[in-house]
All heavy atoms as atom14 arrays in JSON, in Angstrom:
{
  "sequence": "SNTTTARDLGVLLAAVATGDRLSPESRASMLGI",
  "atom14_mask": [
    [1, 1, 1, 1, 1, 1, 0, 0, 0, 0, 0, 0, 0, 0],
    [1, 1, 1, 1, 1, 1, 1, 1, 0, 0, 0, 0, 0, 0],
    [1, 1, 1, 1, 1, 1, 1, 0, 0, 0, 0, 0, 0, 0],
    [1, 1, 1, 1, 1, 1, 1, 0, 0, 0, 0, 0, 0, 0],
    [1, 1, 1, 1, 1, 1, 1, 0, 0, 0, 0, 0, 0, 0],
    [1, 1, 1, 1, 1, 0, 0, 0, 0, 0, 0, 0, 0, 0],
    [1, 1, 1, 1, 1, 1, 1, 1, 1, 1, 1, 0, 0, 0],
    [1, 1, 1, 1, 1, 1, 1, 1, 0, 0, 0, 0, 0, 0],
    [1, 1, 1, 1, 1, 1, 1, 1, 0, 0, 0, 0, 0, 0],
    [1, 1, 1, 1, 0, 0, 0, 0, 0, 0, 0, 0, 0, 0],
    [1, 1, 1, 1, 1, 1, 1, 0, 0, 0, 0, 0, 0, 0],
    [1, 1, 1, 1, 1, 1, 1, 1, 0, 0, 0, 0, 0, 0],
    [1, 1, 1, 1, 1, 1, 1, 1, 0, 0, 0, 0, 0, 0],
    [1, 1, 1, 1, 1, 0, 0, 0, 0, 0, 0, 0, 0, 0],
    [1, 1, 1, 1, 1, 0, 0, 0, 0, 0, 0, 0, 0, 0],
    [1, 1, 1, 1, 1, 1, 1, 0, 0, 0, 0, 0, 0, 0],
    [1, 1, 1, 1, 1, 0, 0, 0, 0, 0, 0, 0, 0, 0],
    [1, 1, 1, 1, 1, 1, 1, 0, 0, 0, 0, 0, 0, 0],
    [1, 1, 1, 1, 0, 0, 0, 0, 0, 0, 0, 0, 0, 0],
    [1, 1, 1, 1, 1, 1, 1, 1, 0, 0, 0, 0, 0, 0],
    [1, 1, 1, 1, 1, 1, 1, 1, 1, 1, 1, 0, 0, 0],
    [1, 1, 1, 1, 1, 1, 1, 1, 0, 0, 0, 0, 0, 0],
    [1, 1, 1, 1, 1, 1, 0, 0, 0, 0, 0, 0, 0, 0],
    [1, 1, 1, 1, 1, 1, 1, 0, 0, 0, 0, 0, 0, 0],
    [1, 1, 1, 1, 1, 1, 1, 1, 1, 0, 0, 0, 0, 0],
    [1, 1, 1, 1, 1, 1, 0, 0, 0, 0, 0, 0, 0, 0],
    [1, 1, 1, 1, 1, 1, 1, 1, 1, 1, 1, 0, 0, 0],
    [1, 1, 1, 1, 1, 0, 0, 0, 0, 0, 0, 0, 0, 0],
    [1, 1, 1, 1, 1, 1, 0, 0, 0, 0, 0, 0, 0, 0],
    [1, 1, 1, 1, 1, 1, 1, 1, 0, 0, 0, 0, 0, 0],
    [1, 1, 1, 1, 1, 1, 1, 1, 0, 0, 0, 0, 0, 0],
    [1, 1, 1, 1, 0, 0, 0, 0, 0, 0, 0, 0, 0, 0],
    [1, 1, 1, 1, 1, 1, 1, 1, 0, 0, 0, 0, 0, 0]
  ],
  "atom14_positions": [
    [[-15.63, -19.99, -33.04], [-14.3, -19.82, -32.37], [-13.71, -18.53, -32.85], [-13.95, -18.03, -34.0], [-13.48, -21.06, -32.87], [-13.94, -22.19, -32.14], [0.0, 0.0, 0.0], [0.0, 0.0, 0.0], [0.0, 0.0, 0.0], [0.0, 0.0, 0.0], [0.0, 0.0, 0.0], [0.0, 0.0, 0.0], [0.0, 0.0, 0.0], [0.0, 0.0, 0.0]],
    [[-12.67, -18.04, -32.11], [-11.88, -16.94, -32.5], [-11.0, -17.39, -33.64], [-10.28, -18.48, -33.55], [-11.03, -16.41, -31.34], [-11.92, -15.92, -30.24], [-12.9, -15.38, -30.47], [-11.51, -16.32, -28.95], [0.0, 0.0, 0.0], [0.0, 0.0, 0.0], [0.0, 0.0, 0.0], [0.0, 0.0, 0.0], [0.0, 0.0, 0.0], [0.0, 0.0, 0.0]],
    [[-10.84, -16.68, -34.68], [-9.98, -17.18, -35.82], [-9.28, -15.9, -36.35], [-9.45, -14.73, -36.11], [-10.85, -17.6, -37.09], [-11.87, -16.59, -37.43], [-11.64, -18.88, -36.68], [0.0, 0.0, 0.0], [0.0, 0.0, 0.0], [0.0, 0.0, 0.0], [0.0, 0.0, 0.0], [0.0, 0.0, 0.0], [0.0, 0.0, 0.0], [0.0, 0.0, 0.0]],
    [[-8.16, -16.24, -37.15], [-7.41, -15.19, -37.66], [-6.54, -15.79, -38.75], [-6.47, -17.0, -39.11], [-6.4, -14.58, -36.55], [-5.68, -13.39, -37.2], [-5.33, -15.52, -36.14], [0.0, 0.0, 0.0], [0.0, 0.0, 0.0], [0.0, 0.0, 0.0], [0.0, 0.0, 0.0], [0.0, 0.0, 0.0], [0.0, 0.0, 0.0], [0.0, 0.0, 0.0]],
    [[-5.85, -14.9, -39.51], [-4.75, -15.26, -40.45], [-3.5, -14.66, -40.01], [-3.41, -13.77, -39.21], [-5.11, -14.73, -41.86], [-5.1, -13.24, -41.79], [-6.61, -15.13, -42.3], [0.0, 0.0, 0.0], [0.0, 0.0, 0.0], [0.0, 0.0, 0.0], [0.0, 0.0, 0.0], [0.0, 0.0, 0.0], [0.0, 0.0, 0.0], [0.0, 0.0, 0.0]],
    [[-2.4, -15.24, -40.63], [-1.07, -14.71, -40.29], [-0.94, -13.23, -40.71], [-0.34, -12.45, -40.05], [0.09, -15.52, -41.04], [0.0, 0.0, 0.0], [0.0, 0.0, 0.0], [0.0, 0.0, 0.0], [0.0, 0.0, 0.0], [0.0, 0.0, 0.0], [0.0, 0.0, 0.0], [0.0, 0.0, 0.0], [0.0, 0.0, 0.0], [0.0, 0.0, 0.0]],
    [[-1.64, -12.84, -41.9], [-1.62, -11.55, -42.36], [-2.25, -10.57, -41.31], [-1.7, -9.53, -41.03], [-2.33, -11.36, -43.66], [-2.26, -9.87, -44.24], [-3.27, -9.73, -45.3], [-3.13, -10.72, -46.43], [-2.36, -10.41, -47.52], [-1.74, -9.27, -47.63], [-2.31, -11.22, -48.53], [0.0, 0.0, 0.0], [0.0, 0.0, 0.0], [0.0, 0.0, 0.0]],
    [[-3.29, -10.93, -40.71], [-4.12, -10.08, -39.76], [-3.34, -9.97, -38.46], [-3.29, -8.84, -37.93], [-5.45, -10.66, -39.61], [-6.48, -10.17, -40.67], [-6.01, -9.65, -41.67], [-7.66, -10.36, -40.53], [0.0, 0.0, 0.0], [0.0, 0.0, 0.0], [0.0, 0.0, 0.0], [0.0, 0.0, 0.0], [0.0, 0.0, 0.0], [0.0, 0.0, 0.0]],
    [[-2.79, -11.04, -38.07], [-1.85, -10.89, -36.75], [-0.74, -10.03, -37.15], [-0.27, -9.28, -36.23], [-1.35, -12.37, -36.46], [-2.34, -13.12, -35.5], [-1.72, -14.48, -35.29], [-2.7, -12.44, -34.25], [0.0, 0.0, 0.0], [0.0, 0.0, 0.0], [0.0, 0.0, 0.0], [0.0, 0.0, 0.0], [0.0, 0.0, 0.0], [0.0, 0.0, 0.0]],
    [[-0.15, -10.17, -38.35], [1.04, -9.18, -38.67], [0.45, -7.81, -38.61], [1.27, -6.91, -38.13], [0.0, 0.0, 0.0], [0.0, 0.0, 0.0], [0.0, 0.0, 0.0], [0.0, 0.0, 0.0], [0.0, 0.0, 0.0], [0.0, 0.0, 0.0], [0.0, 0.0, 0.0], [0.0, 0.0, 0.0], [0.0, 0.0, 0.0], [0.0, 0.0, 0.0]],
    [[-0.65, -7.39, -39.22], [-1.08, -6.09, -39.15], [-1.33, -5.67, -37.8], [-1.01, -4.49, -37.43], [-2.4, -6.04, -40.1], [-3.17, -4.7, -39.8], [-2.18, -6.26, -41.51], [0.0, 0.0, 0.0], [0.0, 0.0, 0.0], [0.0, 0.0, 0.0], [0.0, 0.0, 0.0], [0.0, 0.0, 0.0], [0.0, 0.0, 0.0], [0.0, 0.0, 0.0]],
    [[-1.85, -6.5, -36.98], [-2.11, -6.18, -35.55], [-0.76, -5.82, -34.76], [-0.63, -4.91, -34.08], [-2.78, -7.35, -34.84], [-2.99, -7.3, -33.36], [-3.85, -5.98, -32.94], [-3.74, -8.56, -32.71], [0.0, 0.0, 0.0], [0.0, 0.0, 0.0], [0.0, 0.0, 0.0], [0.0, 0.0, 0.0], [0.0, 0.0, 0.0], [0.0, 0.0, 0.0]],
    [[0.24, -6.61, -35.01], [1.62, -6.51, -34.31], [2.18, -5.24, -34.83], [2.82, -4.4, -34.09], [2.37, -7.68, -34.5], [2.54, -8.74, -33.42], [3.12, -8.22, -32.21], [1.08, -9.3, -33.2], [0.0, 0.0, 0.0], [0.0, 0.0, 0.0], [0.0, 0.0, 0.0], [0.0, 0.0, 0.0], [0.0, 0.0, 0.0], [0.0, 0.0, 0.0]],
    [[2.14, -4.95, -36.16], [2.75, -3.72, -36.71], [2.01, -2.51, -36.07], [2.64, -1.53, -35.8], [2.57, -3.72, -38.25], [0.0, 0.0, 0.0], [0.0, 0.0, 0.0], [0.0, 0.0, 0.0], [0.0, 0.0, 0.0], [0.0, 0.0, 0.0], [0.0, 0.0, 0.0], [0.0, 0.0, 0.0], [0.0, 0.0, 0.0], [0.0, 0.0, 0.0]],
    [[0.74, -2.57, -35.86], [-0.05, -1.47, -35.13], [0.46, -1.2, -33.78], [0.6, -0.07, -33.3], [-1.56, -1.79, -35.19], [0.0, 0.0, 0.0], [0.0, 0.0, 0.0], [0.0, 0.0, 0.0], [0.0, 0.0, 0.0], [0.0, 0.0, 0.0], [0.0, 0.0, 0.0], [0.0, 0.0, 0.0], [0.0, 0.0, 0.0], [0.0, 0.0, 0.0]],
    [[0.67, -2.39, -33.17], [1.22, -2.26, -31.71], [2.52, -1.57, -31.72], [2.93, -0.71, -30.85], [1.24, -3.55, -31.05], [2.05, -3.52, -29.68], [-0.14, -4.13, -30.76], [0.0, 0.0, 0.0], [0.0, 0.0, 0.0], [0.0, 0.0, 0.0], [0.0, 0.0, 0.0], [0.0, 0.0, 0.0], [0.0, 0.0, 0.0], [0.0, 0.0, 0.0]],
    [[3.43, -1.92, -32.74], [4.83, -1.38, -32.75], [4.92, -0.04, -33.24], [5.75, 0.78, -32.73], [5.61, -2.35, -33.6], [0.0, 0.0, 0.0], [0.0, 0.0, 0.0], [0.0, 0.0, 0.0], [0.0, 0.0, 0.0], [0.0, 0.0, 0.0], [0.0, 0.0, 0.0], [0.0, 0.0, 0.0], [0.0, 0.0, 0.0], [0.0, 0.0, 0.0]],
    [[4.14, 0.31, -34.36], [4.41, 1.57, -35.02], [3.2, 2.36, -35.39], [3.27, 3.36, -36.0], [5.23, 1.26, -36.36], [4.3, 0.44, -37.23], [6.52, 0.64, -36.07], [0.0, 0.0, 0.0], [0.0, 0.0, 0.0], [0.0, 0.0, 0.0], [0.0, 0.0, 0.0], [0.0, 0.0, 0.0], [0.0, 0.0, 0.0], [0.0, 0.0, 0.0]],
    [[2.02, 1.88, -35.01], [0.75, 2.48, -35.45], [0.57, 3.85, -34.79], [0.97, 4.1, -33.83], [0.0, 0.0, 0.0], [0.0, 0.0, 0.0], [0.0, 0.0, 0.0], [0.0, 0.0, 0.0], [0.0, 0.0, 0.0], [0.0, 0.0, 0.0], [0.0, 0.0, 0.0], [0.0, 0.0, 0.0], [0.0, 0.0, 0.0], [0.0, 0.0, 0.0]],
    [[-0.32, 4.59, -35.54], [-0.55, 5.96, -35.04], [-1.81, 6.16, -34.26], [-2.24, 7.25, -34.0], [-0.52, 6.93, -36.26], [-1.63, 6.61, -37.22], [-2.4, 5.68, -36.97], [-1.62, 7.28, -38.36], [0.0, 0.0, 0.0], [0.0, 0.0, 0.0], [0.0, 0.0, 0.0], [0.0, 0.0, 0.0], [0.0, 0.0, 0.0], [0.0, 0.0, 0.0]],
    [[-2.44, 5.06, -33.96], [-3.69, 5.14, -33.18], [-3.42, 5.35, -31.74], [-4.25, 5.71, -30.83], [-4.46, 3.74, -33.26], [-5.21, 3.59, -34.68], [-6.41, 4.47, -34.86], [-7.27, 4.31, -33.79], [-8.35, 3.38, -33.75], [-8.35, 2.49, -34.8], [-9.12, 3.3, -32.83], [0.0, 0.0, 0.0], [0.0, 0.0, 0.0], [0.0, 0.0, 0.0]],
    [[-2.17, 5.03, -31.31], [-1.73, 5.1, -29.88], [-0.65, 6.06, -29.63], [0.16, 6.22, -30.56], [-1.47, 3.71, -29.28], [-2.63, 2.74, -29.08], [-2.13, 1.31, -28.99], [-3.43, 3.1, -27.88], [0.0, 0.0, 0.0], [0.0, 0.0, 0.0], [0.0, 0.0, 0.0], [0.0, 0.0, 0.0], [0.0, 0.0, 0.0], [0.0, 0.0, 0.0]],
    [[-0.56, 6.44, -28.52], [0.72, 7.28, -28.13], [1.9, 6.42, -28.1], [1.85, 5.17, -27.87], [0.49, 8.02, -26.72], [0.56, 6.97, -25.73], [0.0, 0.0, 0.0], [0.0, 0.0, 0.0], [0.0, 0.0, 0.0], [0.0, 0.0, 0.0], [0.0, 0.0, 0.0], [0.0, 0.0, 0.0], [0.0, 0.0, 0.0], [0.0, 0.0, 0.0]],
    [[3.1, 7.0, -28.2], [4.39, 6.22, -28.13], [4.47, 5.55, -26.81], [5.01, 4.5, -26.65], [5.47, 7.33, -28.3], [4.86, 8.42, -29.09], [3.36, 8.43, -28.65], [0.0, 0.0, 0.0], [0.0, 0.0, 0.0], [0.0, 0.0, 0.0], [0.0, 0.0, 0.0], [0.0, 0.0, 0.0], [0.0, 0.0, 0.0], [0.0, 0.0, 0.0]],
    [[4.0, 6.16, -25.76], [4.04, 5.67, -24.33], [3.21, 4.34, -24.31], [3.63, 3.37, -23.75], [3.56, 6.61, -23.24], [4.42, 7.93, -23.11], [4.35, 8.87, -24.21], [3.28, 8.84, -24.99], [5.16, 9.81, -24.41], [0.0, 0.0, 0.0], [0.0, 0.0, 0.0], [0.0, 0.0, 0.0], [0.0, 0.0, 0.0], [0.0, 0.0, 0.0]],
    [[2.11, 4.43, -24.96], [1.21, 3.16, -24.88], [1.81, 2.04, -25.79], [1.82, 0.8, -25.31], [-0.24, 3.45, -25.34], [-0.85, 4.17, -24.35], [0.0, 0.0, 0.0], [0.0, 0.0, 0.0], [0.0, 0.0, 0.0], [0.0, 0.0, 0.0], [0.0, 0.0, 0.0], [0.0, 0.0, 0.0], [0.0, 0.0, 0.0], [0.0, 0.0, 0.0]],
    [[2.4, 2.36, -26.89], [2.9, 1.36, -27.73], [4.16, 0.71, -26.98], [4.37, -0.45, -26.94], [3.48, 1.97, -29.03], [2.32, 2.47, -29.94], [2.78, 2.49, -31.36], [3.89, 3.5, -31.54], [3.8, 4.86, -31.79], [2.56, 5.36, -31.81], [4.78, 5.45, -31.92], [0.0, 0.0, 0.0], [0.0, 0.0, 0.0], [0.0, 0.0, 0.0]],
    [[5.01, 1.57, -26.31], [6.06, 1.06, -25.65], [5.71, 0.18, -24.39], [6.2, -0.81, -24.13], [7.0, 2.26, -25.04], [0.0, 0.0, 0.0], [0.0, 0.0, 0.0], [0.0, 0.0, 0.0], [0.0, 0.0, 0.0], [0.0, 0.0, 0.0], [0.0, 0.0, 0.0], [0.0, 0.0, 0.0], [0.0, 0.0, 0.0], [0.0, 0.0, 0.0]],
    [[4.55, 0.5, -23.77], [4.1, -0.19, -22.68], [3.52, -1.66, -23.13], [3.94, -2.66, -22.55], [2.86, 0.49, -21.98], [2.35, -0.26, -20.99], [0.0, 0.0, 0.0], [0.0, 0.0, 0.0], [0.0, 0.0, 0.0], [0.0, 0.0, 0.0], [0.0, 0.0, 0.0], [0.0, 0.0, 0.0], [0.0, 0.0, 0.0], [0.0, 0.0, 0.0]],
    [[2.95, -1.66, -24.23], [2.45, -2.93, -24.79], [3.55, -3.78, -25.29], [3.68, -5.12, -24.98], [1.38, -2.71, -25.94], [0.04, -2.31, -25.51], [-1.14, -2.23, -26.8], [-0.53, -0.96, -27.88], [0.0, 0.0, 0.0], [0.0, 0.0, 0.0], [0.0, 0.0, 0.0], [0.0, 0.0, 0.0], [0.0, 0.0, 0.0], [0.0, 0.0, 0.0]],
    [[4.54, -3.23, -25.88], [5.74, -4.06, -26.38], [6.5, -4.57, -25.1], [7.0, -5.59, -25.16], [6.63, -3.19, -27.16], [6.11, -2.79, -28.61], [7.05, -1.75, -29.35], [6.09, -4.06, -29.41], [0.0, 0.0, 0.0], [0.0, 0.0, 0.0], [0.0, 0.0, 0.0], [0.0, 0.0, 0.0], [0.0, 0.0, 0.0], [0.0, 0.0, 0.0]],
    [[6.58, -3.71, -24.08], [7.18, -4.24, -22.9], [6.56, -5.42, -22.29], [7.19, -6.31, -21.85], [0.0, 0.0, 0.0], [0.0, 0.0, 0.0], [0.0, 0.0, 0.0], [0.0, 0.0, 0.0], [0.0, 0.0, 0.0], [0.0, 0.0, 0.0], [0.0, 0.0, 0.0], [0.0, 0.0, 0.0], [0.0, 0.0, 0.0], [0.0, 0.0, 0.0]],
    [[5.29, -5.38, -22.27], [4.42, -6.64, -21.73], [4.69, -7.79, -22.59], [5.13, -8.82, -22.16], [2.87, -6.3, -21.7], [2.62, -5.23, -20.69], [2.12, -7.54, -21.38], [1.11, -4.7, -20.75], [0.0, 0.0, 0.0], [0.0, 0.0, 0.0], [0.0, 0.0, 0.0], [0.0, 0.0, 0.0], [0.0, 0.0, 0.0], [0.0, 0.0, 0.0]]
  ]
}
């Protein structure tokens, strides 16, 4: 099964919000969804 921890989900959400792997436009688009 797919598994996770609260820490890893937190790291993932922080990457969506502020991470440098994506452009600001893509981060804003994902947060909008």
